[in-house]
Amino acid sequence: MNMRKIIGVLMAVCFVLSVTVASVSAAPGYKDKKYDDKKKVDDKKKFGDRKKLDNVKKKWDNEKKKWDREKKKWDNERKKWNFKKHSKDYKRWHMLYMKWYQLYLKWLFGYNKFICHYYKYC
């Protein structure tokens, strides 16, 4: 008699679980955030239209060219210091290089953030 009660309770629990799983799997899922309509509306408010967004991208790309030229210049100078004796001049140069490098990294993080946003919505 006890065995029948235990099996009956176990079957009832299994039935409830299966019904719950079936209802959850049949429910509509959450929208993918990448294709969410609200984000597209917010994007339009932020940039206005596609032409304005392209102008902003052009500005960022021009700045990237400028930063890349400067980075190439600094890297060439750094290579020259590899074979020289490190003196006070090197310490001064290294401090200037590190200040420039911090500015470069700050700009680079902003650029990467914009580019991710640009390609996500275009």
PDB file of N, CA and C in Angstrom:
ATOM      1  N   MET A   1       0.820  -1.198   0.000  1.00  0.00           N
ATOM      2  CA  MET A   1       0.000   0.000   0.000  1.00  0.00           C
ATOM      3  C   MET A   1       0.867   1.266   0.000  1.00  0.00           C
ATOM      4  N   ASN A   2       1.919   1.290   0.828  1.00  0.00           N
ATOM      5  CA  ASN A   2       2.811   2.450   0.876  1.00  0.00           C
ATOM      6  C   ASN A   2       3.520   2.647  -0.457  1.00  0.00           C
ATOM      7  N   MET A   3       3.885   1.572  -1.093  1.00  0.00           N
ATOM      8  CA  MET A   3       4.593   1.648  -2.364  1.00  0.00           C
ATOM      9  C   MET A   3       3.716   2.310  -3.423  1.00  0.00           C
ATOM     10  N   ARG A   4       2.425   2.018  -3.438  1.00  0.00           N
ATOM     11  CA  ARG A   4       1.510   2.626  -4.393  1.00  0.00           C
ATOM     12  C   ARG A   4       1.416   4.136  -4.167  1.00  0.00           C
ATOM     13  N   LYS A   5       1.369   4.566  -2.899  1.00  0.00           N
ATOM     14  CA  LYS A   5       1.296   5.996  -2.586  1.00  0.00           C
ATOM     15  C   LYS A   5       2.566   6.711  -3.048  1.00  0.00           C
ATOM     16  N   ILE A   6       3.707   6.096  -2.788  1.00  0.00           N
ATOM     17  CA  ILE A   6       4.985   6.703  -3.176  1.00  0.00           C
ATOM     18  C   ILE A   6       5.068   6.820  -4.693  1.00  0.00           C
ATOM     19  N   ILE A   7       4.693   5.766  -5.394  1.00  0.00           N
ATOM     20  CA  ILE A   7       4.729   5.799  -6.857  1.00  0.00           C
ATOM     21  C   ILE A   7       3.720   6.822  -7.386  1.00  0.00           C
ATOM     22  N   GLY A   8       2.559   6.918  -6.775  1.00  0.00           N
ATOM     23  CA  GLY A   8       1.542   7.894  -7.192  1.00  0.00           C
ATOM     24  C   GLY A   8       2.042   9.325  -7.023  1.00  0.00           C
ATOM     25  N   VAL A   9       2.664   9.622  -5.882  1.00  0.00           N
ATOM     26  CA  VAL A   9       3.209  10.965  -5.639  1.00  0.00           C
ATOM     27  C   VAL A   9       4.332  11.255  -6.626  1.00  0.00           C
ATOM     28  N   LEU A  10       5.203  10.286  -6.855  1.00  0.00           N
ATOM     29  CA  LEU A  10       6.317  10.454  -7.790  1.00  0.00           C
ATOM     30  C   LEU A  10       5.813  10.717  -9.208  1.00  0.00           C
ATOM     31  N   MET A  11       4.780  10.003  -9.626  1.00  0.00           N
ATOM     32  CA  MET A  11       4.220  10.221 -10.960  1.00  0.00           C
ATOM     33  C   MET A  11       3.566  11.599 -11.063  1.00  0.00           C
ATOM     34  N   ALA A  12       2.914  12.047  -9.991  1.00  0.00           N
ATOM     35  CA  ALA A  12       2.292  13.377 -10.000  1.00  0.00           C
ATOM     36  C   ALA A  12       3.362  14.467 -10.123  1.00  0.00           C
ATOM     37  N   VAL A  13       4.464  14.312  -9.400  1.00  0.00           N
ATOM     38  CA  VAL A  13       5.563  15.284  -9.478  1.00  0.00           C
ATOM     39  C   VAL A  13       6.153  15.294 -10.890  1.00  0.00           C
ATOM     40  N   CYS A  14       6.372  14.133 -11.463  1.00  0.00           N
ATOM     41  CA  CYS A  14       6.916  14.058 -12.825  1.00  0.00           C
ATOM     42  C   CYS A  14       5.966  14.704 -13.830  1.00  0.00           C
ATOM     43  N   PHE A  15       4.672  14.495 -13.657  1.00  0.00           N
ATOM     44  CA  PHE A  15       3.697  15.094 -14.558  1.00  0.00           C
ATOM     45  C   PHE A  15       3.728  16.617 -14.467  1.00  0.00           C
ATOM     46  N   VAL A  16       3.767  17.142 -13.240  1.00  0.00           N
ATOM     47  CA  VAL A  16       3.812  18.601 -13.046  1.00  0.00           C
ATOM     48  C   VAL A  16       5.076  19.177 -13.678  1.00  0.00           C
ATOM     49  N   LEU A  17       6.195  18.510 -13.485  1.00  0.00           N
ATOM     50  CA  LEU A  17       7.449  18.992 -14.077  1.00  0.00           C
ATOM     51  C   LEU A  17       7.398  18.961 -15.601  1.00  0.00           C
ATOM     52  N   SER A  18       6.852  17.913 -16.163  1.00  0.00           N
ATOM     53  CA  SER A  18       6.801  17.827 -17.627  1.00  0.00           C
ATOM     54  C   SER A  18       5.870  18.886 -18.205  1.00  0.00           C
ATOM     55  N   VAL A  19       4.754  19.160 -17.549  1.00  0.00           N
ATOM     56  CA  VAL A  19       3.837  20.201 -18.016  1.00  0.00           C
ATOM     57  C   VAL A  19       4.515  21.568 -17.929  1.00  0.00           C
ATOM     58  N   THR A  20       5.259  21.808 -16.853  1.00  0.00           N
ATOM     59  CA  THR A  20       5.966  23.083 -16.695  1.00  0.00           C
ATOM     60  C   THR A  20       7.005  23.265 -17.796  1.00  0.00           C
ATOM     61  N   VAL A  21       7.772  22.236 -18.065  1.00  0.00           N
ATOM     62  CA  VAL A  21       8.799  22.311 -19.105  1.00  0.00           C
ATOM     63  C   VAL A  21       8.161  22.527 -20.472  1.00  0.00           C
ATOM     64  N   ALA A  22       7.067  21.857 -20.737  1.00  0.00           N
ATOM     65  CA  ALA A  22       6.400  22.003 -22.030  1.00  0.00           C
ATOM     66  C   ALA A  22       5.858  23.422 -22.206  1.00  0.00           C
ATOM     67  N   SER A  23       5.301  23.993 -21.147  1.00  0.00           N
ATOM     68  CA  SER A  23       4.751  25.348 -21.271  1.00  0.00           C
ATOM     69  C   SER A  23       5.866  26.382 -21.444  1.00  0.00           C
ATOM     70  N   VAL A  24       6.984  26.176 -20.789  1.00  0.00           N
ATOM     71  CA  VAL A  24       8.107  27.107 -20.933  1.00  0.00           C
ATOM     72  C   VAL A  24       8.698  27.023 -22.333  1.00  0.00           C
ATOM     73  N   SER A  25       8.834  25.835 -22.856  1.00  0.00           N
ATOM     74  CA  SER A  25       9.425  25.700 -24.191  1.00  0.00           C
ATOM     75  C   SER A  25       8.476  26.199 -25.282  1.00  0.00           C
ATOM     76  N   ALA A  26       7.174  26.189 -25.038  1.00  0.00           N
ATOM     77  CA  ALA A  26       6.214  26.659 -26.035  1.00  0.00           C
ATOM     78  C   ALA A  26       6.049  28.172 -25.998  1.00  0.00           C
ATOM     79  N   ALA A  27       6.454  28.815 -24.903  1.00  0.00           N
ATOM     80  CA  ALA A  27       6.305  30.266 -24.776  1.00  0.00           C
ATOM     81  C   ALA A  27       7.268  30.973 -25.723  1.00  0.00           C
ATOM     82  N   PRO A  28       6.869  32.149 -26.225  1.00  0.00           N
ATOM     83  CA  PRO A  28       7.784  32.894 -27.100  1.00  0.00           C
ATOM     84  C   PRO A  28       9.004  33.346 -26.308  1.00  0.00           C
ATOM     85  N   GLY A  29      10.178  33.214 -26.913  1.00  0.00           N
ATOM     86  CA  GLY A  29      11.414  33.578 -26.228  1.00  0.00           C
ATOM     87  C   GLY A  29      11.631  35.073 -26.236  1.00  0.00           C
ATOM     88  N   TYR A  30      12.652  35.479 -25.525  1.00  0.00           N
ATOM     89  CA  TYR A  30      13.020  36.890 -25.512  1.00  0.00           C
ATOM     90  C   TYR A  30      13.600  37.264 -26.861  1.00  0.00           C
ATOM     91  N   LYS A  31      13.377  38.501 -27.264  1.00  0.00           N
ATOM     92  CA  LYS A  31      13.934  38.962 -28.532  1.00  0.00           C
ATOM     93  C   LYS A  31      15.441  39.079 -28.403  1.00  0.00           C
ATOM     94  N   ASP A  32      16.087  38.868 -29.502  1.00  0.00           N
ATOM     95  CA  ASP A  32      17.531  39.060 -29.525  1.00  0.00           C
ATOM     96  C   ASP A  32      17.807  40.550 -29.397  1.00  0.00           C
ATOM     97  N   LYS A  33      18.694  40.918 -28.506  1.00  0.00           N
ATOM     98  CA  LYS A  33      18.956  42.334 -28.258  1.00  0.00           C
ATOM     99  C   LYS A  33      19.520  43.032 -29.486  1.00  0.00           C
ATOM    100  N   LYS A  34      20.207  42.304 -30.323  1.00  0.00           N
ATOM    101  CA  LYS A  34      20.802  42.915 -31.506  1.00  0.00           C
ATOM    102  C   LYS A  34      19.726  43.443 -32.454  1.00  0.00           C
ATOM    103  N   TYR A  35      18.591  42.773 -32.522  1.00  0.00           N
ATOM    104  CA  TYR A  35      17.544  43.154 -33.456  1.00  0.00           C
ATOM    105  C   TYR A  35      16.346  43.787 -32.751  1.00  0.00           C
ATOM    106  N   ASP A  36      16.545  44.263 -31.558  1.00  0.00           N
ATOM    107  CA  ASP A  36      15.460  44.869 -30.807  1.00  0.00           C
ATOM    108  C   ASP A  36      15.096  46.216 -31.434  1.00  0.00           C
ATOM    109  N   ASP A  37      13.804  46.447 -31.667  1.00  0.00           N
ATOM    110  CA  ASP A  37      13.364  47.681 -32.321  1.00  0.00           C
ATOM    111  C   ASP A  37      13.644  48.914 -31.474  1.00  0.00           C
ATOM    112  N   LYS A  38      13.565  48.782 -30.172  1.00  0.00           N
ATOM    113  CA  LYS A  38      13.792  49.934 -29.305  1.00  0.00           C
ATOM    114  C   LYS A  38      15.202  50.478 -29.481  1.00  0.00           C
ATOM    115  N   LYS A  39      16.168  49.612 -29.606  1.00  0.00           N
ATOM    116  CA  LYS A  39      17.548  50.069 -29.767  1.00  0.00           C
ATOM    117  C   LYS A  39      17.729  50.805 -31.083  1.00  0.00           C
ATOM    118  N   LYS A  40      17.043  50.382 -32.128  1.00  0.00           N
ATOM    119  CA  LYS A  40      17.151  51.077 -33.407  1.00  0.00           C
ATOM    120  C   LYS A  40      16.567  52.479 -33.295  1.00  0.00           C
ATOM    121  N   VAL A  41      15.482  52.620 -32.550  1.00  0.00           N
ATOM    122  CA  VAL A  41      14.887  53.938 -32.356  1.00  0.00           C
ATOM    123  C   VAL A  41      15.851  54.821 -31.577  1.00  0.00           C
ATOM    124  N   ASP A  42      16.447  54.280 -30.512  1.00  0.00           N
ATOM    125  CA  ASP A  42      17.417  55.046 -29.735  1.00  0.00           C
ATOM    126  C   ASP A  42      18.597  55.444 -30.601  1.00  0.00           C
ATOM    127  N   ASP A  43      19.013  54.563 -31.479  1.00  0.00           N
ATOM    128  CA  ASP A  43      20.130  54.856 -32.371  1.00  0.00           C
ATOM    129  C   ASP A  43      19.771  56.013 -33.299  1.00  0.00           C
ATOM    130  N   LYS A  44      18.549  56.030 -33.800  1.00  0.00           N
ATOM    131  CA  LYS A  44      18.134  57.126 -34.676  1.00  0.00           C
ATOM    132  C   LYS A  44      18.110  58.440 -33.912  1.00  0.00           C
ATOM    133  N   LYS A  45      17.647  58.407 -32.666  1.00  0.00           N
ATOM    134  CA  LYS A  45      17.628  59.629 -31.872  1.00  0.00           C
ATOM    135  C   LYS A  45      19.041  60.150 -31.647  1.00  0.00           C
ATOM    136  N   LYS A  46      19.957  59.239 -31.445  1.00  0.00           N
ATOM    137  CA  LYS A  46      21.322  59.645 -31.131  1.00  0.00           C
ATOM    138  C   LYS A  46      22.036  60.207 -32.356  1.00  0.00           C
ATOM    139  N   PHE A  47      21.896  59.589 -33.498  1.00  0.00           N
ATOM    140  CA  PHE A  47      22.643  59.992 -34.682  1.00  0.00           C
ATOM    141  C   PHE A  47      21.792  60.655 -35.761  1.00  0.00           C
ATOM    142  N   GLY A  48      20.497  60.689 -35.603  1.00  0.00           N
ATOM    143  CA  GLY A  48      19.655  61.337 -36.603  1.00  0.00           C
ATOM    144  C   GLY A  48      19.399  60.446 -37.794  1.00  0.00           C
ATOM    145  N   ASP A  49      20.315  60.384 -38.691  1.00  0.00           N
ATOM    146  CA  ASP A  49      20.145  59.560 -39.880  1.00  0.00           C
ATOM    147  C   ASP A  49      21.479  58.932 -40.269  1.00  0.00           C
ATOM    148  N   ARG A  50      21.424  58.148 -41.304  1.00  0.00           N
ATOM    149  CA  ARG A  50      22.603  57.382 -41.736  1.00  0.00           C
ATOM    150  C   ARG A  50      23.745  58.299 -42.189  1.00  0.00           C
ATOM    151  N   LYS A  51      23.397  59.400 -42.846  1.00  0.00           N
ATOM    152  CA  LYS A  51      24.424  60.310 -43.355  1.00  0.00           C
ATOM    153  C   LYS A  51      25.231  60.916 -42.206  1.00  0.00           C
ATOM    154  N   LYS A  52      24.523  61.297 -41.155  1.00  0.00           N
ATOM    155  CA  LYS A  52      25.213  61.871 -39.995  1.00  0.00           C
ATOM    156  C   LYS A  52      26.114  60.827 -39.343  1.00  0.00           C
ATOM    157  N   LEU A  53      25.620  59.594 -39.251  1.00  0.00           N
ATOM    158  CA  LEU A  53      26.420  58.515 -38.676  1.00  0.00           C
ATOM    159  C   LEU A  53      27.671  58.263 -39.510  1.00  0.00           C
ATOM    160  N   ASP A  54      27.533  58.314 -40.831  1.00  0.00           N
ATOM    161  CA  ASP A  54      28.695  58.125 -41.703  1.00  0.00           C
ATOM    162  C   ASP A  54      29.696  59.266 -41.552  1.00  0.00           C
ATOM    163  N   ASN A  55      29.201  60.488 -41.354  1.00  0.00           N
ATOM    164  CA  ASN A  55      30.103  61.620 -41.134  1.00  0.00           C
ATOM    165  C   ASN A  55      30.890  61.453 -39.839  1.00  0.00           C
ATOM    166  N   VAL A  56      30.220  60.960 -38.815  1.00  0.00           N
ATOM    167  CA  VAL A  56      30.910  60.724 -37.544  1.00  0.00           C
ATOM    168  C   VAL A  56      31.966  59.638 -37.727  1.00  0.00           C
ATOM    169  N   LYS A  57      31.630  58.593 -38.485  1.00  0.00           N
ATOM    170  CA  LYS A  57      32.601  57.524 -38.736  1.00  0.00           C
ATOM    171  C   LYS A  57      33.797  58.056 -39.520  1.00  0.00           C
ATOM    172  N   LYS A  58      33.541  58.930 -40.487  1.00  0.00           N
ATOM    173  CA  LYS A  58      34.630  59.509 -41.271  1.00  0.00           C
ATOM    174  C   LYS A  58      35.574  60.312 -40.368  1.00  0.00           C
ATOM    175  N   LYS A  59      34.990  61.048 -39.420  1.00  0.00           N
ATOM    176  CA  LYS A  59      35.803  61.817 -38.472  1.00  0.00           C
ATOM    177  C   LYS A  59      36.687  60.889 -37.641  1.00  0.00           C
ATOM    178  N   TRP A  60      36.091  59.798 -37.137  1.00  0.00           N
ATOM    179  CA  TRP A  60      36.861  58.840 -36.339  1.00  0.00           C
ATOM    180  C   TRP A  60      37.963  58.198 -37.183  1.00  0.00           C
ATOM    181  N   ASP A  61      37.662  57.878 -38.432  1.00  0.00           N
ATOM    182  CA  ASP A  61      38.667  57.249 -39.300  1.00  0.00           C
ATOM    183  C   ASP A  61      39.825  58.197 -39.596  1.00  0.00           C
ATOM    184  N   ASN A  62      39.526  59.487 -39.798  1.00  0.00           N
ATOM    185  CA  ASN A  62      40.596  60.459 -40.012  1.00  0.00           C
ATOM    186  C   ASN A  62      41.483  60.580 -38.775  1.00  0.00           C
ATOM    187  N   GLU A  63      40.847  60.584 -37.605  1.00  0.00           N
ATOM    188  CA  GLU A  63      41.633  60.624 -36.370  1.00  0.00           C
ATOM    189  C   GLU A  63      42.487  59.366 -36.235  1.00  0.00           C
ATOM    190  N   LYS A  64      41.941  58.229 -36.659  1.00  0.00           N
ATOM    191  CA  LYS A  64      42.697  56.978 -36.569  1.00  0.00           C
ATOM    192  C   LYS A  64      43.948  57.044 -37.435  1.00  0.00           C
ATOM    193  N   LYS A  65      43.826  57.620 -38.629  1.00  0.00           N
ATOM    194  CA  LYS A  65      44.998  57.764 -39.491  1.00  0.00           C
ATOM    195  C   LYS A  65      46.060  58.625 -38.819  1.00  0.00           C
ATOM    196  N   LYS A  66      45.618  59.707 -38.191  1.00  0.00           N
ATOM    197  CA  LYS A  66      46.550  60.601 -37.503  1.00  0.00           C
ATOM    198  C   LYS A  66      47.255  59.869 -36.356  1.00  0.00           C
ATOM    199  N   TRP A  67      46.472  59.144 -35.550  1.00  0.00           N
ATOM    200  CA  TRP A  67      47.055  58.416 -34.422  1.00  0.00           C
ATOM    201  C   TRP A  67      47.992  57.315 -34.914  1.00  0.00           C
ATOM    202  N   ASP A  68      47.653  56.665 -36.003  1.00  0.00           N
ATOM    203  CA  ASP A  68      48.517  55.607 -36.539  1.00  0.00           C
ATOM    204  C   ASP A  68      49.855  56.166 -37.008  1.00  0.00           C
ATOM    205  N   ARG A  69      49.820  57.346 -37.643  1.00  0.00           N
ATOM    206  CA  ARG A  69      51.084  57.978 -38.061  1.00  0.00           C
ATOM    207  C   ARG A  69      51.948  58.317 -36.851  1.00  0.00           C
ATOM    208  N   GLU A  70      51.305  58.879 -35.815  1.00  0.00           N
ATOM    209  CA  GLU A  70      52.058  59.214 -34.602  1.00  0.00           C
ATOM    210  C   GLU A  70      52.611  57.959 -33.938  1.00  0.00           C
ATOM    211  N   LYS A  71      51.809  56.900 -33.918  1.00  0.00           N
ATOM    212  CA  LYS A  71      52.267  55.654 -33.299  1.00  0.00           C
ATOM    213  C   LYS A  71      53.477  55.106 -34.044  1.00  0.00           C
ATOM    214  N   LYS A  72      53.450  55.181 -35.344  1.00  0.00           N
ATOM    215  CA  LYS A  72      54.580  54.708 -36.146  1.00  0.00           C
ATOM    216  C   LYS A  72      55.832  55.525 -35.825  1.00  0.00           C
ATOM    217  N   LYS A  73      55.666  56.837 -35.699  1.00  0.00           N
ATOM    218  CA  LYS A  73      56.794  57.709 -35.367  1.00  0.00           C
ATOM    219  C   LYS A  73      57.378  57.355 -33.995  1.00  0.00           C
ATOM    220  N   TRP A  74      56.504  57.196 -32.994  1.00  0.00           N
ATOM    221  CA  TRP A  74      56.968  56.867 -31.643  1.00  0.00           C
ATOM    222  C   TRP A  74      57.630  55.488 -31.613  1.00  0.00           C
ATOM    223  N   ASP A  75      57.073  54.540 -32.337  1.00  0.00           N
ATOM    224  CA  ASP A  75      57.663  53.194 -32.358  1.00  0.00           C
ATOM    225  C   ASP A  75      59.043  53.200 -33.002  1.00  0.00           C
ATOM    226  N   ASN A  76      59.219  54.000 -34.051  1.00  0.00           N
ATOM    227  CA  ASN A  76      60.542  54.101 -34.672  1.00  0.00           C
ATOM    228  C   ASN A  76      61.553  54.716 -33.708  1.00  0.00           C
ATOM    229  N   GLU A  77      61.130  55.744 -32.972  1.00  0.00           N
ATOM    230  CA  GLU A  77      62.028  56.342 -31.981  1.00  0.00           C
ATOM    231  C   GLU A  77      62.375  55.333 -30.886  1.00  0.00           C
ATOM    232  N   ARG A  78      61.394  54.554 -30.490  1.00  0.00           N
ATOM    233  CA  ARG A  78      61.643  53.559 -29.437  1.00  0.00           C
ATOM    234  C   ARG A  78      62.657  52.522 -29.908  1.00  0.00           C
ATOM    235  N   LYS A  79      62.572  52.134 -31.175  1.00  0.00           N
ATOM    236  CA  LYS A  79      63.545  51.173 -31.715  1.00  0.00           C
ATOM    237  C   LYS A  79      64.954  51.752 -31.699  1.00  0.00           C
ATOM    238  N   LYS A  80      65.070  53.052 -31.963  1.00  0.00           N
ATOM    239  CA  LYS A  80      66.388  53.689 -31.940  1.00  0.00           C
ATOM    240  C   LYS A  80      66.994  53.674 -30.539  1.00  0.00           C
ATOM    241  N   TRP A  81      66.141  53.806 -29.526  1.00  0.00           N
ATOM    242  CA  TRP A  81      66.644  53.814 -28.152  1.00  0.00           C
ATOM    243  C   TRP A  81      67.086  52.422 -27.703  1.00  0.00           C
ATOM    244  N   ASN A  82      66.706  51.383 -28.380  1.00  0.00           N
ATOM    245  CA  ASN A  82      67.078  50.025 -27.967  1.00  0.00           C
ATOM    246  C   ASN A  82      68.584  49.823 -27.956  1.00  0.00           C
ATOM    247  N   PHE A  83      69.303  50.498 -28.831  1.00  0.00           N
ATOM    248  CA  PHE A  83      70.741  50.267 -28.958  1.00  0.00           C
ATOM    249  C   PHE A  83      71.571  51.402 -28.381  1.00  0.00           C
ATOM    250  N   LYS A  84      70.929  52.372 -27.728  1.00  0.00           N
ATOM    251  CA  LYS A  84      71.659  53.483 -27.131  1.00  0.00           C
ATOM    252  C   LYS A  84      71.744  53.304 -25.625  1.00  0.00           C
ATOM    253  N   LYS A  85      72.707  53.985 -25.060  1.00  0.00           N
ATOM    254  CA  LYS A  85      72.849  53.969 -23.607  1.00  0.00           C
ATOM    255  C   LYS A  85      71.714  54.805 -23.001  1.00  0.00           C
ATOM    256  N   HIS A  86      71.087  54.286 -21.967  1.00  0.00           N
ATOM    257  CA  HIS A  86      69.966  54.986 -21.352  1.00  0.00           C
ATOM    258  C   HIS A  86      70.488  55.996 -20.350  1.00  0.00           C
ATOM    259  N   SER A  87      70.236  57.251 -20.642  1.00  0.00           N
ATOM    260  CA  SER A  87      70.692  58.332 -19.775  1.00  0.00           C
ATOM    261  C   SER A  87      69.493  59.197 -19.400  1.00  0.00           C
ATOM    262  N   LYS A  88      69.765  60.441 -18.971  1.00  0.00           N
ATOM    263  CA  LYS A  88      68.674  61.347 -18.608  1.00  0.00           C
ATOM    264  C   LYS A  88      67.800  61.671 -19.817  1.00  0.00           C
ATOM    265  N   ASP A  89      68.428  61.747 -20.968  1.00  0.00           N
ATOM    266  CA  ASP A  89      67.650  62.009 -22.184  1.00  0.00           C
ATOM    267  C   ASP A  89      66.626  60.902 -22.429  1.00  0.00           C
ATOM    268  N   TYR A  90      67.049  59.681 -22.198  1.00  0.00           N
ATOM    269  CA  TYR A  90      66.129  58.554 -22.385  1.00  0.00           C
ATOM    270  C   TYR A  90      64.977  58.641 -21.392  1.00  0.00           C
ATOM    271  N   LYS A  91      65.289  58.984 -20.144  1.00  0.00           N
ATOM    272  CA  LYS A  91      64.227  59.078 -19.136  1.00  0.00           C
ATOM    273  C   LYS A  91      63.208  60.145 -19.524  1.00  0.00           C
ATOM    274  N   ARG A  92      63.687  61.298 -20.019  1.00  0.00           N
ATOM    275  CA  ARG A  92      62.779  62.354 -20.474  1.00  0.00           C
ATOM    276  C   ARG A  92      61.930  61.864 -21.652  1.00  0.00           C
ATOM    277  N   TRP A  93      62.592  61.235 -22.589  1.00  0.00           N
ATOM    278  CA  TRP A  93      61.871  60.727 -23.754  1.00  0.00           C
ATOM    279  C   TRP A  93      60.839  59.681 -23.334  1.00  0.00           C
ATOM    280  N   HIS A  94      61.226  58.799 -22.419  1.00  0.00           N
ATOM    281  CA  HIS A  94      60.327  57.735 -21.976  1.00  0.00           C
ATOM    282  C   HIS A  94      59.096  58.319 -21.273  1.00  0.00           C
ATOM    283  N   MET A  95      59.289  59.367 -20.472  1.00  0.00           N
ATOM    284  CA  MET A  95      58.138  60.001 -19.812  1.00  0.00           C
ATOM    285  C   MET A  95      57.189  60.600 -20.852  1.00  0.00           C
ATOM    286  N   LEU A  96      57.750  61.267 -21.856  1.00  0.00           N
ATOM    287  CA  LEU A  96      56.907  61.819 -22.923  1.00  0.00           C
ATOM    288  C   LEU A  96      56.177  60.711 -23.677  1.00  0.00           C
ATOM    289  N   TYR A  97      56.898  59.636 -23.932  1.00  0.00           N
ATOM    290  CA  TYR A  97      56.301  58.501 -24.640  1.00  0.00           C
ATOM    291  C   TYR A  97      55.146  57.914 -23.840  1.00  0.00           C
ATOM    292  N   MET A  98      55.318  57.748 -22.544  1.00  0.00           N
ATOM    293  CA  MET A  98      54.259  57.152 -21.721  1.00  0.00           C
ATOM    294  C   MET A  98      53.039  58.072 -21.642  1.00  0.00           C
ATOM    295  N   LYS A  99      53.261  59.398 -21.580  1.00  0.00           N
ATOM    296  CA  LYS A  99      52.119  60.325 -21.583  1.00  0.00           C
ATOM    297  C   LYS A  99      51.357  60.213 -22.904  1.00  0.00           C
ATOM    298  N   TRP A 100      52.109  60.187 -23.992  1.00  0.00           N
ATOM    299  CA  TRP A 100      51.463  60.050 -25.293  1.00  0.00           C
ATOM    300  C   TRP A 100      50.728  58.713 -25.383  1.00  0.00           C
ATOM    301  N   TYR A 101      51.343  57.654 -24.881  1.00  0.00           N
ATOM    302  CA  TYR A 101      50.757  56.318 -24.956  1.00  0.00           C
ATOM    303  C   TYR A 101      49.445  56.251 -24.170  1.00  0.00           C
ATOM    304  N   GLN A 102      49.383  56.921 -23.018  1.00  0.00           N
ATOM    305  CA  GLN A 102      48.136  56.945 -22.249  1.00  0.00           C
ATOM    306  C   GLN A 102      47.029  57.650 -23.034  1.00  0.00           C
ATOM    307  N   LEU A 103      47.377  58.774 -23.672  1.00  0.00           N
ATOM    308  CA  LEU A 103      46.389  59.470 -24.507  1.00  0.00           C
ATOM    309  C   LEU A 103      45.936  58.585 -25.666  1.00  0.00           C
ATOM    310  N   TYR A 104      46.880  57.876 -26.259  1.00  0.00           N
ATOM    311  CA  TYR A 104      46.571  56.982 -27.373  1.00  0.00           C
ATOM    312  C   TYR A 104      45.608  55.881 -26.933  1.00  0.00           C
ATOM    313  N   LEU A 105      45.877  55.269 -25.786  1.00  0.00           N
ATOM    314  CA  LEU A 105      44.995  54.195 -25.309  1.00  0.00           C
ATOM    315  C   LEU A 105      43.598  54.721 -24.998  1.00  0.00           C
ATOM    316  N   LYS A 106      43.528  55.904 -24.400  1.00  0.00           N
ATOM    317  CA  LYS A 106      42.221  56.491 -24.093  1.00  0.00           C
ATOM    318  C   LYS A 106      41.434  56.716 -25.385  1.00  0.00           C
ATOM    319  N   TRP A 107      42.103  57.273 -26.394  1.00  0.00           N
ATOM    320  CA  TRP A 107      41.434  57.488 -27.676  1.00  0.00           C
ATOM    321  C   TRP A 107      41.041  56.154 -28.309  1.00  0.00           C
ATOM    322  N   LEU A 108      41.929  55.164 -28.238  1.00  0.00           N
ATOM    323  CA  LEU A 108      41.678  53.868 -28.867  1.00  0.00           C
ATOM    324  C   LEU A 108      40.456  53.178 -28.266  1.00  0.00           C
ATOM    325  N   PHE A 109      40.274  53.262 -26.946  1.00  0.00           N
ATOM    326  CA  PHE A 109      39.095  52.659 -26.325  1.00  0.00           C
ATOM    327  C   PHE A 109      37.818  53.346 -26.816  1.00  0.00           C
ATOM    328  N   GLY A 110      37.849  54.671 -26.952  1.00  0.00           N
ATOM    329  CA  GLY A 110      36.689  55.387 -27.487  1.00  0.00           C
ATOM    330  C   GLY A 110      36.400  54.994 -28.927  1.00  0.00           C
ATOM    331  N   TYR A 111      37.451  54.856 -29.716  1.00  0.00           N
ATOM    332  CA  TYR A 111      37.299  54.462 -31.123  1.00  0.00           C
ATOM    333  C   TYR A 111      36.693  53.067 -31.225  1.00  0.00           C
ATOM    334  N   ASN A 112      37.217  52.126 -30.446  1.00  0.00           N
ATOM    335  CA  ASN A 112      36.690  50.758 -30.488  1.00  0.00           C
ATOM    336  C   ASN A 112      35.228  50.712 -30.054  1.00  0.00           C
ATOM    337  N   LYS A 113      34.874  51.513 -29.058  1.00  0.00           N
ATOM    338  CA  LYS A 113      33.491  51.551 -28.596  1.00  0.00           C
ATOM    339  C   LYS A 113      32.578  52.073 -29.708  1.00  0.00           C
ATOM    340  N   PHE A 114      33.015  53.132 -30.397  1.00  0.00           N
ATOM    341  CA  PHE A 114      32.211  53.681 -31.492  1.00  0.00           C
ATOM    342  C   PHE A 114      32.077  52.679 -32.631  1.00  0.00           C
ATOM    343  N   ILE A 115      33.182  52.046 -33.015  1.00  0.00           N
ATOM    344  CA  ILE A 115      33.153  51.111 -34.143  1.00  0.00           C
ATOM    345  C   ILE A 115      32.229  49.930 -33.836  1.00  0.00           C
ATOM    346  N   CYS A 116      32.282  49.418 -32.608  1.00  0.00           N
ATOM    347  CA  CYS A 116      31.371  48.320 -32.239  1.00  0.00           C
ATOM    348  C   CYS A 116      29.918  48.778 -32.377  1.00  0.00           C
ATOM    349  N   HIS A 117      29.635  49.992 -31.923  1.00  0.00           N
ATOM    350  CA  HIS A 117      28.279  50.528 -32.013  1.00  0.00           C
ATOM    351  C   HIS A 117      27.891  50.737 -33.476  1.00  0.00           C
ATOM    352  N   TYR A 118      28.812  51.237 -34.271  1.00  0.00           N
ATOM    353  CA  TYR A 118      28.535  51.534 -35.682  1.00  0.00           C
ATOM    354  C   TYR A 118      28.181  50.263 -36.446  1.00  0.00           C
ATOM    355  N   TYR A 119      28.980  49.222 -36.312  1.00  0.00           N
ATOM    356  CA  TYR A 119      28.731  47.996 -37.072  1.00  0.00           C
ATOM    357  C   TYR A 119      27.594  47.173 -36.491  1.00  0.00           C
ATOM    358  N   LYS A 120      27.236  47.422 -35.247  1.00  0.00           N
ATOM    359  CA  LYS A 120      26.132  46.696 -34.639  1.00  0.00           C
ATOM    360  C   LYS A 120      24.797  47.149 -35.230  1.00  0.00           C
ATOM    361  N   TYR A 121      24.699  48.423 -35.595  1.00  0.00           N
ATOM    362  CA  TYR A 121      23.427  48.966 -36.053  1.00  0.00           C
ATOM    363  C   TYR A 121      23.405  49.302 -37.533  1.00  0.00           C
ATOM    364  N   CYS A 122      24.486  49.062 -38.239  1.00  0.00           N
ATOM    365  CA  CYS A 122      24.491  49.397 -39.672  1.00  0.00           C
ATOM    366  C   CYS A 122      24.353  48.162 -40.524  1.00  0.00           C
TER     367      CYS A 122
END
